[in-house]
Amino acid sequence: MKLITALLLFTTLLLATVDINNATADEFTALKGVGVKKAKGIVEYRTTIKCFKTIDELTKVKGIGDSTISKNKEILTLGECKVK
């Protein structure tokens, strides 16, 4: 099961993007420099604000800085806000 999860995360990193308005904590862990704790922090922050308005707004999450965004800029996307 761990192998399957690792393969899915690796595939996500190579082939897909991470939509910061809809990604799960597991999907956020595919980002460089983002572990389980930071991923959960992103989801919790997003829950309180409903949706991100810009990718740079991720820096408001504890532990996420400009460096993290820069390392992942090519795969980060800002999808449609599905929360009302």
Protein backbone atom coordinates (compact mmCIF):
# COMPACT_ATOMS: atom_id res chain seq x y z
CA MET A 1 0.00 0.00 0.00
CA LYS A 2 2.86 2.39 0.80
CA LEU A 3 4.37 1.63 -2.59
CA ILE A 4 1.12 2.47 -4.35
CA THR A 5 0.83 5.75 -2.44
CA ALA A 6 4.44 6.64 -3.26
CA LEU A 7 3.88 5.88 -6.95
CA LEU A 8 0.73 8.01 -7.02
CA LEU A 9 2.53 10.94 -5.43
CA PHE A 10 5.46 10.56 -7.81
CA THR A 11 3.11 10.44 -10.80
CA THR A 12 1.29 13.53 -9.53
CA LEU A 13 4.57 15.38 -9.28
CA LEU A 14 5.67 14.42 -12.79
CA LEU A 15 2.46 14.62 -14.76
CA ALA A 16 -0.03 16.80 -12.96
CA THR A 17 -0.45 20.09 -11.28
CA VAL A 18 -1.44 20.85 -7.72
CA ASP A 19 -4.57 22.97 -7.59
CA ILE A 20 -4.17 24.88 -4.33
CA ASN A 21 -7.93 25.50 -4.05
CA ASN A 22 -8.90 21.84 -4.33
CA ALA A 23 -5.89 19.63 -3.50
CA THR A 24 -5.95 17.22 -0.59
CA ALA A 25 -3.25 17.12 2.06
CA ASP A 26 -1.82 14.03 0.35
CA GLU A 27 -1.57 15.93 -2.93
CA PHE A 28 0.21 18.84 -1.23
CA THR A 29 2.90 16.46 0.06
CA ALA A 30 3.98 15.99 -3.57
CA LEU A 31 5.36 19.53 -3.48
CA LYS A 32 9.05 20.08 -2.82
CA GLY A 33 9.58 21.13 0.79
CA VAL A 34 6.07 20.24 1.92
CA GLY A 35 5.64 17.38 4.33
CA VAL A 36 2.55 16.03 6.05
CA LYS A 37 2.44 18.76 8.72
CA LYS A 38 2.74 21.64 6.23
CA ALA A 39 0.24 19.98 3.88
CA LYS A 40 -2.32 19.73 6.67
CA GLY A 41 -1.60 23.36 7.55
CA ILE A 42 -2.36 24.44 3.98
CA VAL A 43 -5.68 22.58 3.99
CA GLU A 44 -6.61 24.01 7.41
CA TYR A 45 -5.76 27.54 6.32
CA ARG A 46 -7.72 27.12 3.10
CA THR A 47 -10.71 25.92 5.13
CA THR A 48 -10.70 29.14 7.18
CA ILE A 49 -10.38 31.48 4.18
CA LYS A 50 -12.57 29.36 1.83
CA CYS A 51 -10.24 29.73 -1.18
CA PHE A 52 -6.91 31.20 -2.20
CA LYS A 53 -7.10 34.24 -4.46
CA THR A 54 -3.46 34.00 -5.62
CA ILE A 55 -0.72 31.38 -5.48
CA ASP A 56 1.45 33.79 -3.49
CA GLU A 57 -1.19 33.77 -0.75
CA LEU A 58 0.24 30.37 0.24
CA THR A 59 2.95 32.30 2.09
CA LYS A 60 0.35 33.13 4.76
CA VAL A 61 0.49 29.45 5.79
CA LYS A 62 2.98 28.79 8.58
CA GLY A 63 6.11 27.19 7.14
CA ILE A 64 5.39 28.11 3.52
CA GLY A 65 7.60 30.86 2.16
CA ASP A 66 8.62 32.35 -1.13
CA SER A 67 11.24 29.64 -1.52
CA THR A 68 8.66 26.86 -1.36
CA ILE A 69 6.49 28.61 -3.93
CA SER A 70 9.48 29.23 -6.18
CA LYS A 71 10.53 25.56 -6.09
CA ASN A 72 7.03 24.47 -7.10
CA LYS A 73 5.89 27.35 -9.33
CA GLU A 74 5.65 25.16 -12.45
CA ILE A 75 3.11 22.75 -10.95
CA LEU A 76 1.06 25.06 -8.73
CA THR A 77 -2.29 26.16 -10.13
CA LEU A 78 -5.14 28.24 -8.83
CA GLY A 79 -8.29 26.33 -9.64
CA GLU A 80 -11.89 27.38 -9.42
CA CYS A 81 -13.16 27.97 -5.92
CA LYS A 82 -15.82 25.34 -5.31
CA VAL A 83 -16.68 26.52 -1.79
CA LYS A 84 -19.39 29.13 -1.36
